[in-house]
Amino acid sequence: MEKQRLRELLKQLHQELEQTNTVDESTGEVLADLKEDINRLVQEETTIEDEQEGLTERLNDAVGHFEEDHPKLSMVMQHVLDSLARMGF
């Protein structure tokens, strides 16, 4: 059940990331990495267990980048992090 909810959140996050265009260069790099990670998970090319450590780290870093200018995106990222934590990651 929790994995399904996480996949739904990842899809929502992926959509939000796709709509985010106005970022500086370093934030753009964070954004590109997250898009790649999430796309692999959403397309089920890899498992959450395989990607969770890198994804968790990148999401934690990204929350700060997006918090001020993109609060909705930051909120979705935090929901994904919360879901990963509940799953024990």
N, C-alpha and C. Protein backbone atom coordinates (compact mmCIF):
# COMPACT_ATOMS: atom_id res chain seq x y z
N MET A 1 0.82 -1.19 0.00
CA MET A 1 0.00 0.00 0.00
C MET A 1 0.87 1.26 0.00
N GLU A 2 1.87 1.27 0.88
CA GLU A 2 2.73 2.45 0.98
C GLU A 2 3.55 2.64 -0.30
N LYS A 3 3.98 1.54 -0.93
CA LYS A 3 4.73 1.67 -2.18
C LYS A 3 3.87 2.27 -3.28
N GLN A 4 2.60 1.89 -3.32
CA GLN A 4 1.70 2.46 -4.32
C GLN A 4 1.53 3.96 -4.10
N ARG A 5 1.36 4.35 -2.84
CA ARG A 5 1.24 5.78 -2.50
C ARG A 5 2.51 6.52 -2.88
N LEU A 6 3.66 5.90 -2.64
CA LEU A 6 4.93 6.53 -3.00
C LEU A 6 5.02 6.70 -4.51
N ARG A 7 4.64 5.70 -5.26
CA ARG A 7 4.67 5.82 -6.72
C ARG A 7 3.76 6.96 -7.20
N GLU A 8 2.58 7.09 -6.56
CA GLU A 8 1.68 8.19 -6.91
C GLU A 8 2.33 9.55 -6.62
N LEU A 9 2.99 9.65 -5.45
CA LEU A 9 3.68 10.88 -5.11
C LEU A 9 4.82 11.16 -6.08
N LEU A 10 5.54 10.12 -6.48
CA LEU A 10 6.64 10.30 -7.43
C LEU A 10 6.12 10.78 -8.78
N LYS A 11 4.98 10.26 -9.20
CA LYS A 11 4.38 10.73 -10.46
C LYS A 11 3.99 12.20 -10.34
N GLN A 12 3.40 12.56 -9.20
CA GLN A 12 3.02 13.96 -8.97
C GLN A 12 4.27 14.84 -8.95
N LEU A 13 5.31 14.39 -8.28
CA LEU A 13 6.56 15.15 -8.22
C LEU A 13 7.15 15.29 -9.61
N HIS A 14 7.12 14.23 -10.39
CA HIS A 14 7.66 14.29 -11.75
C HIS A 14 6.91 15.34 -12.57
N GLN A 15 5.60 15.39 -12.44
CA GLN A 15 4.80 16.39 -13.16
C GLN A 15 5.19 17.80 -12.72
N GLU A 16 5.35 17.99 -11.41
CA GLU A 16 5.74 19.31 -10.89
C GLU A 16 7.13 19.71 -11.41
N LEU A 17 8.04 18.75 -11.43
CA LEU A 17 9.39 19.02 -11.92
C LEU A 17 9.37 19.42 -13.39
N GLU A 18 8.53 18.77 -14.17
CA GLU A 18 8.43 19.08 -15.60
C GLU A 18 7.92 20.50 -15.83
N GLN A 19 7.15 21.03 -14.91
CA GLN A 19 6.57 22.36 -15.05
C GLN A 19 7.47 23.46 -14.49
N THR A 20 8.57 23.08 -13.87
CA THR A 20 9.48 24.04 -13.25
C THR A 20 10.56 24.43 -14.24
N ASN A 21 10.54 25.68 -14.68
CA ASN A 21 11.49 26.14 -15.69
C ASN A 21 12.44 27.21 -15.20
N THR A 22 12.02 28.03 -14.26
CA THR A 22 12.81 29.19 -13.85
C THR A 22 13.69 28.85 -12.65
N VAL A 23 14.89 28.35 -12.95
CA VAL A 23 15.83 28.00 -11.89
C VAL A 23 17.23 28.41 -12.31
N ASP A 24 18.11 28.61 -11.31
CA ASP A 24 19.50 28.92 -11.63
C ASP A 24 20.23 27.64 -12.05
N GLU A 25 21.49 27.77 -12.43
CA GLU A 25 22.23 26.64 -12.98
C GLU A 25 22.39 25.48 -11.99
N SER A 26 22.78 25.76 -10.75
CA SER A 26 22.98 24.68 -9.79
C SER A 26 21.66 24.00 -9.44
N THR A 27 20.59 24.77 -9.33
CA THR A 27 19.28 24.19 -9.07
C THR A 27 18.82 23.39 -10.28
N GLY A 28 19.17 23.85 -11.47
CA GLY A 28 18.84 23.11 -12.68
C GLY A 28 19.50 21.75 -12.71
N GLU A 29 20.73 21.65 -12.21
CA GLU A 29 21.41 20.36 -12.14
C GLU A 29 20.71 19.43 -11.15
N VAL A 30 20.32 19.96 -10.00
CA VAL A 30 19.58 19.18 -9.02
C VAL A 30 18.27 18.69 -9.63
N LEU A 31 17.61 19.58 -10.33
CA LEU A 31 16.34 19.27 -10.98
C LEU A 31 16.52 18.16 -12.02
N ALA A 32 17.55 18.24 -12.83
CA ALA A 32 17.80 17.23 -13.86
C ALA A 32 18.07 15.86 -13.23
N ASP A 33 18.86 15.82 -12.17
CA ASP A 33 19.14 14.56 -11.48
C ASP A 33 17.87 13.95 -10.91
N LEU A 34 17.05 14.78 -10.28
CA LEU A 34 15.80 14.29 -9.70
C LEU A 34 14.86 13.76 -10.79
N LYS A 35 14.76 14.49 -11.89
CA LYS A 35 13.90 14.04 -12.99
C LYS A 35 14.33 12.66 -13.47
N GLU A 36 15.63 12.47 -13.62
CA GLU A 36 16.16 11.19 -14.08
C GLU A 36 15.84 10.07 -13.09
N ASP A 37 16.11 10.31 -11.81
CA ASP A 37 15.83 9.31 -10.78
C ASP A 37 14.35 8.94 -10.75
N ILE A 38 13.51 9.96 -10.73
CA ILE A 38 12.07 9.73 -10.60
C ILE A 38 11.52 9.07 -11.86
N ASN A 39 12.02 9.46 -13.01
CA ASN A 39 11.55 8.85 -14.25
C ASN A 39 11.84 7.35 -14.25
N ARG A 40 13.03 6.95 -13.79
CA ARG A 40 13.35 5.52 -13.71
C ARG A 40 12.39 4.80 -12.78
N LEU A 41 12.06 5.42 -11.66
CA LEU A 41 11.14 4.79 -10.71
C LEU A 41 9.71 4.74 -11.24
N VAL A 42 9.26 5.83 -11.84
CA VAL A 42 7.90 5.89 -12.35
C VAL A 42 7.72 4.89 -13.49
N GLN A 43 8.73 4.76 -14.33
CA GLN A 43 8.66 3.82 -15.45
C GLN A 43 8.97 2.39 -15.01
N GLU A 44 9.26 2.23 -13.70
CA GLU A 44 9.55 0.93 -13.09
C GLU A 44 10.75 0.25 -13.74
N GLU A 45 11.73 1.07 -14.16
CA GLU A 45 12.97 0.52 -14.68
C GLU A 45 13.89 0.08 -13.54
N THR A 46 13.60 0.56 -12.36
CA THR A 46 14.38 0.21 -11.18
C THR A 46 13.43 0.18 -9.99
N THR A 47 13.88 -0.37 -8.86
CA THR A 47 13.01 -0.44 -7.68
C THR A 47 13.33 0.69 -6.72
N ILE A 48 12.39 0.99 -5.88
CA ILE A 48 12.57 2.02 -4.86
C ILE A 48 13.73 1.65 -3.95
N GLU A 49 13.83 0.37 -3.61
CA GLU A 49 14.92 -0.08 -2.74
C GLU A 49 16.29 0.18 -3.36
N ASP A 50 16.40 0.02 -4.69
CA ASP A 50 17.67 0.25 -5.37
C ASP A 50 18.05 1.72 -5.42
N GLU A 51 17.06 2.58 -5.49
CA GLU A 51 17.30 4.01 -5.69
C GLU A 51 17.15 4.86 -4.44
N GLN A 52 16.63 4.29 -3.36
CA GLN A 52 16.20 5.10 -2.23
C GLN A 52 17.30 5.94 -1.61
N GLU A 53 18.51 5.42 -1.47
CA GLU A 53 19.56 6.19 -0.80
C GLU A 53 19.90 7.46 -1.59
N GLY A 54 20.16 7.32 -2.87
CA GLY A 54 20.48 8.48 -3.70
C GLY A 54 19.30 9.43 -3.82
N LEU A 55 18.11 8.87 -3.99
CA LEU A 55 16.91 9.69 -4.12
C LEU A 55 16.65 10.48 -2.84
N THR A 56 16.76 9.83 -1.70
CA THR A 56 16.55 10.52 -0.43
C THR A 56 17.53 11.67 -0.25
N GLU A 57 18.78 11.42 -0.58
CA GLU A 57 19.81 12.46 -0.44
C GLU A 57 19.52 13.63 -1.39
N ARG A 58 19.21 13.33 -2.64
CA ARG A 58 18.94 14.39 -3.60
C ARG A 58 17.66 15.17 -3.25
N LEU A 59 16.65 14.46 -2.75
CA LEU A 59 15.42 15.16 -2.35
C LEU A 59 15.68 16.09 -1.18
N ASN A 60 16.45 15.62 -0.20
CA ASN A 60 16.78 16.48 0.94
C ASN A 60 17.51 17.73 0.48
N ASP A 61 18.46 17.57 -0.43
CA ASP A 61 19.19 18.73 -0.96
C ASP A 61 18.26 19.65 -1.75
N ALA A 62 17.37 19.06 -2.52
CA ALA A 62 16.50 19.84 -3.41
C ALA A 62 15.44 20.63 -2.64
N VAL A 63 14.97 20.11 -1.53
CA VAL A 63 13.93 20.82 -0.77
C VAL A 63 14.38 22.25 -0.48
N GLY A 64 15.62 22.42 -0.07
CA GLY A 64 16.14 23.75 0.22
C GLY A 64 16.23 24.63 -1.02
N HIS A 65 16.58 24.04 -2.15
CA HIS A 65 16.69 24.80 -3.40
C HIS A 65 15.34 25.37 -3.84
N PHE A 66 14.28 24.60 -3.62
CA PHE A 66 12.98 24.97 -4.16
C PHE A 66 12.02 25.59 -3.15
N GLU A 67 12.38 25.56 -1.88
CA GLU A 67 11.46 25.97 -0.82
C GLU A 67 10.90 27.38 -1.01
N GLU A 68 11.75 28.33 -1.33
CA GLU A 68 11.30 29.72 -1.42
C GLU A 68 10.56 30.03 -2.73
N ASP A 69 11.14 29.62 -3.85
CA ASP A 69 10.57 29.99 -5.15
C ASP A 69 9.51 29.01 -5.66
N HIS A 70 9.54 27.78 -5.18
CA HIS A 70 8.60 26.76 -5.66
C HIS A 70 8.06 25.96 -4.46
N PRO A 71 7.25 26.60 -3.62
CA PRO A 71 6.80 25.94 -2.39
C PRO A 71 5.97 24.68 -2.64
N LYS A 72 5.19 24.64 -3.69
CA LYS A 72 4.39 23.44 -3.98
C LYS A 72 5.30 22.27 -4.31
N LEU A 73 6.32 22.52 -5.11
CA LEU A 73 7.29 21.49 -5.45
C LEU A 73 8.01 21.00 -4.21
N SER A 74 8.42 21.91 -3.37
CA SER A 74 9.09 21.56 -2.12
C SER A 74 8.18 20.71 -1.23
N MET A 75 6.91 21.05 -1.19
CA MET A 75 5.96 20.30 -0.37
C MET A 75 5.80 18.86 -0.88
N VAL A 76 5.72 18.69 -2.20
CA VAL A 76 5.59 17.34 -2.76
C VAL A 76 6.86 16.54 -2.45
N MET A 77 8.02 17.17 -2.56
CA MET A 77 9.27 16.49 -2.22
C MET A 77 9.26 16.03 -0.77
N GLN A 78 8.77 16.88 0.12
CA GLN A 78 8.71 16.51 1.53
C GLN A 78 7.76 15.35 1.76
N HIS A 79 6.66 15.31 1.02
CA HIS A 79 5.73 14.17 1.12
C HIS A 79 6.41 12.87 0.68
N VAL A 80 7.21 12.94 -0.37
CA VAL A 80 7.94 11.75 -0.83
C VAL A 80 8.92 11.32 0.24
N LEU A 81 9.65 12.27 0.82
CA LEU A 81 10.59 11.93 1.89
C LEU A 81 9.88 11.31 3.09
N ASP A 82 8.73 11.85 3.45
CA ASP A 82 7.95 11.29 4.56
C ASP A 82 7.51 9.87 4.26
N SER A 83 7.09 9.64 3.03
CA SER A 83 6.65 8.31 2.62
C SER A 83 7.82 7.32 2.66
N LEU A 84 8.98 7.75 2.19
CA LEU A 84 10.18 6.89 2.26
C LEU A 84 10.54 6.57 3.71
N ALA A 85 10.42 7.55 4.58
CA ALA A 85 10.74 7.34 6.00
C ALA A 85 9.78 6.33 6.62
N ARG A 86 8.48 6.43 6.28
CA ARG A 86 7.52 5.48 6.81
C ARG A 86 7.78 4.06 6.33
N MET A 87 8.40 3.96 5.17
CA MET A 87 8.74 2.65 4.61
C MET A 87 10.05 2.12 5.18
N GLY A 88 10.71 2.93 5.98
CA GLY A 88 11.94 2.50 6.61
C GLY A 88 13.19 2.83 5.81
N PHE A 89 13.09 3.76 4.88
CA PHE A 89 14.24 4.13 4.06
C PHE A 89 14.88 5.38 4.58
